[in-house]
Amino acid sequence: MAWLLITAPRGVTPTATSVCWCGRDRSAVGRHKVLALITDHAYHRTVCPLRAPQEGRNAA
């Protein structure tokens, strides 16, 4: 499970946090860094080992 928390009140520097059950915990401060974290978070959701399809894996 991955989630993204963005705080961007009008007139205040935006912040964001990207957290995932796999151990990912990233944060950003400032418009450009928050936008980059949003893009990175979306990419992480496609490659996270906890979200990746389990097809083709051998049973233990």
N, C-alpha and C. Protein backbone atom coordinates (compact mmCIF):
# COMPACT_ATOMS: atom_id res chain seq x y z
N MET A 1 0.85 -1.17 0.00
CA MET A 1 0.00 0.00 0.00
C MET A 1 0.89 1.23 0.00
N ALA A 2 0.72 2.08 -0.98
CA ALA A 2 1.49 3.32 -1.07
C ALA A 2 0.54 4.51 -1.02
N TRP A 3 0.95 5.57 -0.34
CA TRP A 3 0.10 6.74 -0.32
C TRP A 3 0.95 8.00 -0.40
N LEU A 4 0.31 9.08 -0.84
CA LEU A 4 0.95 10.36 -1.06
C LEU A 4 0.13 11.42 -0.35
N LEU A 5 0.77 12.18 0.53
CA LEU A 5 0.10 13.25 1.26
C LEU A 5 0.69 14.57 0.79
N ILE A 6 -0.15 15.45 0.28
CA ILE A 6 0.29 16.76 -0.21
C ILE A 6 -0.41 17.83 0.59
N THR A 7 0.37 18.81 1.08
CA THR A 7 -0.17 19.95 1.78
C THR A 7 0.26 21.19 1.03
N ALA A 8 -0.71 21.95 0.53
CA ALA A 8 -0.37 23.13 -0.27
C ALA A 8 -1.38 24.25 -0.03
N PRO A 9 -1.41 24.78 1.20
CA PRO A 9 -2.33 25.90 1.45
C PRO A 9 -1.89 27.13 0.64
N ARG A 10 -2.84 27.94 0.25
CA ARG A 10 -2.55 29.14 -0.52
C ARG A 10 -1.60 30.06 0.26
N GLY A 11 -0.53 30.47 -0.41
CA GLY A 11 0.41 31.40 0.20
C GLY A 11 1.48 30.75 1.07
N VAL A 12 1.49 29.43 1.14
CA VAL A 12 2.46 28.71 1.97
C VAL A 12 3.23 27.73 1.09
N THR A 13 4.48 27.46 1.43
CA THR A 13 5.30 26.52 0.67
C THR A 13 4.69 25.13 0.73
N PRO A 14 4.45 24.49 -0.42
CA PRO A 14 3.85 23.15 -0.42
C PRO A 14 4.83 22.09 0.09
N THR A 15 4.28 21.06 0.69
CA THR A 15 5.06 19.91 1.15
C THR A 15 4.35 18.64 0.72
N ALA A 16 5.11 17.55 0.61
CA ALA A 16 4.52 16.25 0.26
C ALA A 16 5.32 15.14 0.90
N THR A 17 4.63 14.05 1.19
CA THR A 17 5.27 12.86 1.74
C THR A 17 4.75 11.64 0.98
N SER A 18 5.66 10.77 0.57
CA SER A 18 5.33 9.54 -0.14
C SER A 18 5.78 8.38 0.74
N VAL A 19 4.83 7.53 1.13
CA VAL A 19 5.12 6.42 2.04
C VAL A 19 4.56 5.13 1.45
N CYS A 20 5.26 4.03 1.65
CA CYS A 20 4.80 2.73 1.16
C CYS A 20 5.14 1.66 2.20
N TRP A 21 4.34 0.61 2.21
CA TRP A 21 4.58 -0.50 3.14
C TRP A 21 5.91 -1.19 2.88
N CYS A 22 6.48 -1.02 1.70
CA CYS A 22 7.75 -1.67 1.38
C CYS A 22 8.93 -0.99 2.08
N GLY A 23 8.68 0.13 2.75
CA GLY A 23 9.74 0.83 3.47
C GLY A 23 10.08 2.19 2.89
N ARG A 24 9.52 2.51 1.76
CA ARG A 24 9.76 3.82 1.13
C ARG A 24 9.17 4.91 2.02
N ASP A 25 9.93 5.97 2.25
CA ASP A 25 9.48 7.12 3.03
C ASP A 25 10.25 8.33 2.54
N ARG A 26 9.62 9.08 1.63
CA ARG A 26 10.28 10.25 1.03
C ARG A 26 9.43 11.49 1.29
N SER A 27 10.10 12.64 1.37
CA SER A 27 9.36 13.88 1.53
C SER A 27 10.00 14.96 0.68
N ALA A 28 9.22 16.02 0.41
CA ALA A 28 9.71 17.13 -0.42
C ALA A 28 9.10 18.43 0.09
N VAL A 29 9.85 19.51 -0.07
CA VAL A 29 9.40 20.83 0.30
C VAL A 29 9.67 21.76 -0.87
N GLY A 30 8.68 22.53 -1.26
CA GLY A 30 8.82 23.46 -2.38
C GLY A 30 8.13 22.92 -3.61
N ARG A 31 7.62 23.84 -4.43
CA ARG A 31 6.80 23.47 -5.58
C ARG A 31 7.48 22.48 -6.52
N HIS A 32 8.70 22.76 -6.95
CA HIS A 32 9.37 21.90 -7.93
C HIS A 32 9.69 20.52 -7.34
N LYS A 33 10.12 20.49 -6.09
CA LYS A 33 10.43 19.20 -5.46
C LYS A 33 9.16 18.39 -5.21
N VAL A 34 8.08 19.05 -4.85
CA VAL A 34 6.81 18.33 -4.65
C VAL A 34 6.32 17.75 -5.96
N LEU A 35 6.39 18.53 -7.05
CA LEU A 35 5.99 18.00 -8.36
C LEU A 35 6.84 16.81 -8.77
N ALA A 36 8.14 16.86 -8.47
CA ALA A 36 9.03 15.73 -8.79
C ALA A 36 8.67 14.51 -7.93
N LEU A 37 8.32 14.73 -6.67
CA LEU A 37 7.94 13.61 -5.80
C LEU A 37 6.63 12.98 -6.27
N ILE A 38 5.70 13.77 -6.75
CA ILE A 38 4.45 13.23 -7.28
C ILE A 38 4.74 12.29 -8.45
N THR A 39 5.61 12.71 -9.35
CA THR A 39 5.98 11.87 -10.49
C THR A 39 6.69 10.61 -10.02
N ASP A 40 7.61 10.75 -9.06
CA ASP A 40 8.35 9.61 -8.53
C ASP A 40 7.41 8.64 -7.81
N HIS A 41 6.44 9.16 -7.09
CA HIS A 41 5.48 8.31 -6.38
C HIS A 41 4.66 7.49 -7.37
N ALA A 42 4.22 8.13 -8.45
CA ALA A 42 3.45 7.42 -9.47
C ALA A 42 4.29 6.30 -10.08
N TYR A 43 5.56 6.57 -10.34
CA TYR A 43 6.45 5.54 -10.88
C TYR A 43 6.63 4.41 -9.87
N HIS A 44 6.85 4.75 -8.61
CA HIS A 44 7.06 3.72 -7.58
C HIS A 44 5.88 2.77 -7.51
N ARG A 45 4.68 3.28 -7.68
CA ARG A 45 3.49 2.42 -7.62
C ARG A 45 3.51 1.37 -8.72
N THR A 46 4.24 1.60 -9.81
CA THR A 46 4.31 0.62 -10.89
C THR A 46 5.41 -0.42 -10.67
N VAL A 47 6.39 -0.12 -9.82
CA VAL A 47 7.53 -1.02 -9.64
C VAL A 47 7.68 -1.57 -8.22
N CYS A 48 6.83 -1.15 -7.31
CA CYS A 48 6.94 -1.60 -5.91
C CYS A 48 6.82 -3.12 -5.84
N PRO A 49 7.72 -3.79 -5.13
CA PRO A 49 7.65 -5.25 -5.04
C PRO A 49 6.39 -5.76 -4.33
N LEU A 50 5.77 -4.94 -3.53
CA LEU A 50 4.54 -5.36 -2.85
C LEU A 50 3.32 -5.21 -3.75
N ARG A 51 3.42 -4.42 -4.81
CA ARG A 51 2.29 -4.21 -5.71
C ARG A 51 2.47 -4.95 -7.03
N ALA A 52 3.68 -5.42 -7.31
CA ALA A 52 3.96 -6.09 -8.58
C ALA A 52 3.18 -7.41 -8.67
N PRO A 53 2.73 -7.76 -9.84
CA PRO A 53 2.02 -9.03 -10.01
C PRO A 53 2.91 -10.20 -9.60
N GLN A 54 2.32 -11.22 -9.05
CA GLN A 54 3.06 -12.36 -8.56
C GLN A 54 3.15 -13.48 -9.60
N GLU A 55 2.67 -13.26 -10.81
CA GLU A 55 2.72 -14.29 -11.85
C GLU A 55 4.15 -14.68 -12.16
N GLY A 56 4.35 -15.94 -12.36
CA GLY A 56 5.68 -16.42 -12.74
C GLY A 56 6.59 -16.70 -11.56
N ARG A 57 6.18 -16.36 -10.35
CA ARG A 57 7.02 -16.63 -9.19
C ARG A 57 6.83 -18.07 -8.75
N ASN A 58 7.91 -18.68 -8.33
CA ASN A 58 7.84 -20.05 -7.85
C ASN A 58 7.35 -20.05 -6.41
N ALA A 59 6.54 -21.04 -6.07
CA ALA A 59 6.07 -21.17 -4.70
C ALA A 59 7.23 -21.61 -3.82
N ALA A 60 7.21 -21.15 -2.60
CA ALA A 60 8.29 -21.50 -1.65
C ALA A 60 8.11 -22.89 -1.11
